[in-house]
Amino acid sequence: MLLNKNLNTPSENKSSANSTNTIIRLPEVIQLTGLSSSTIYDRQNRKSKRYDPEFPRRFKIGLRSVGYSRLAMERWVSLKMSAVQINH
């Protein structure tokens, strides 16, 4: 079952594809954040030392599958990048 899959054609501008809120899966989260899958899971685990309450939550999109909001993930990355720029 696919929900809200990004249907942009390759000829469309990539910036318009990124400005829409689509569901992304773990491989794309890894690509967007530069984090490993284990670090992503740790960021969501309240018991982990690497827990980040600001990290976007995953949500169920099927019986055995989860997804993430592209916009929420991009906002989180932007927030982290601006924090780095402020500290330097």
Protein backbone atom coordinates (compact mmCIF):
# COMPACT_ATOMS: atom_id res chain seq x y z
CA MET A 1 0.00 0.00 0.00
CA LEU A 2 1.50 3.35 -1.05
CA LEU A 3 0.41 6.60 0.50
CA ASN A 4 1.15 10.03 -0.96
CA LYS A 5 4.04 8.82 -3.09
CA ASN A 6 5.92 11.60 -4.84
CA LEU A 7 4.71 11.44 -8.44
CA ASN A 8 6.93 14.18 -9.90
CA THR A 9 8.42 13.36 -13.27
CA PRO A 10 12.20 13.57 -13.75
CA SER A 11 11.76 16.62 -16.00
CA GLU A 12 10.18 18.65 -13.18
CA ASN A 13 12.29 20.97 -11.06
CA LYS A 14 13.75 19.14 -8.05
CA SER A 15 13.09 22.10 -5.75
CA SER A 16 9.36 21.78 -6.34
CA ALA A 17 9.58 18.08 -5.45
CA ASN A 18 11.36 18.88 -2.20
CA SER A 19 8.88 21.56 -1.16
CA THR A 20 5.97 19.11 -1.04
CA ASN A 21 5.26 17.00 1.99
CA THR A 22 5.78 13.42 0.95
CA ILE A 23 6.37 10.24 2.84
CA ILE A 24 9.97 9.09 2.74
CA ARG A 25 11.45 5.80 3.87
CA LEU A 26 14.59 5.06 5.87
CA PRO A 27 17.08 5.02 2.94
CA GLU A 28 16.09 8.57 2.02
CA VAL A 29 16.25 9.67 5.68
CA ILE A 30 19.79 8.29 5.79
CA GLN A 31 20.64 10.24 2.62
CA LEU A 32 19.07 13.50 3.87
CA THR A 33 20.61 13.40 7.35
CA GLY A 34 23.91 11.65 6.76
CA LEU A 35 23.16 9.48 9.80
CA SER A 36 23.33 5.70 9.95
CA SER A 37 20.17 3.67 10.52
CA SER A 38 21.27 2.76 14.07
CA THR A 39 21.84 6.45 14.91
CA ILE A 40 18.41 7.33 13.50
CA TYR A 41 16.83 4.68 15.72
CA ASP A 42 18.83 5.98 18.70
CA ARG A 43 17.62 9.54 18.05
CA GLN A 44 14.05 8.23 18.45
CA ASN A 45 14.71 6.00 21.50
CA ARG A 46 14.04 7.80 24.78
CA LYS A 47 16.36 5.40 26.62
CA SER A 48 19.32 6.11 24.35
CA LYS A 49 22.11 8.55 25.19
CA ARG A 50 21.70 9.90 21.64
CA TYR A 51 17.95 10.56 22.02
CA ASP A 52 16.84 13.77 20.32
CA PRO A 53 13.28 14.90 21.16
CA GLU A 54 13.36 17.21 18.12
CA PHE A 55 14.09 14.39 15.67
CA PRO A 56 11.02 13.75 13.45
CA ARG A 57 8.94 10.76 14.50
CA ARG A 58 8.27 7.88 12.19
CA PHE A 59 4.68 6.80 11.60
CA LYS A 60 3.02 3.63 10.36
CA ILE A 61 2.06 3.52 6.70
CA GLY A 62 1.22 -0.17 6.59
CA LEU A 63 1.17 -3.30 8.69
CA ARG A 64 4.96 -3.67 8.66
CA SER A 65 6.21 -0.38 7.25
CA VAL A 66 6.90 3.10 8.54
CA GLY A 67 7.62 6.43 6.91
CA TYR A 68 8.79 9.91 7.77
CA SER A 69 7.57 13.34 6.71
CA ARG A 70 9.96 14.86 4.17
CA LEU A 71 9.20 18.41 5.37
CA ALA A 72 9.74 17.53 9.03
CA MET A 73 13.06 15.85 8.20
CA GLU A 74 14.23 18.79 6.06
CA ARG A 75 13.30 21.23 8.87
CA TRP A 76 15.26 19.15 11.38
CA VAL A 77 18.33 19.15 9.11
CA SER A 78 18.03 22.93 8.59
CA LEU A 79 17.72 23.47 12.34
CA LYS A 80 20.88 21.44 12.96
CA MET A 81 22.77 23.25 10.19
CA SER A 82 21.82 26.68 11.52
CA ALA A 83 22.89 25.64 15.02
CA VAL A 84 26.32 24.71 13.65
CA GLN A 85 26.60 28.04 11.79
CA ILE A 86 25.67 30.01 14.93
CA ASN A 87 28.26 28.18 17.04
CA HIS A 88 31.13 28.86 14.60
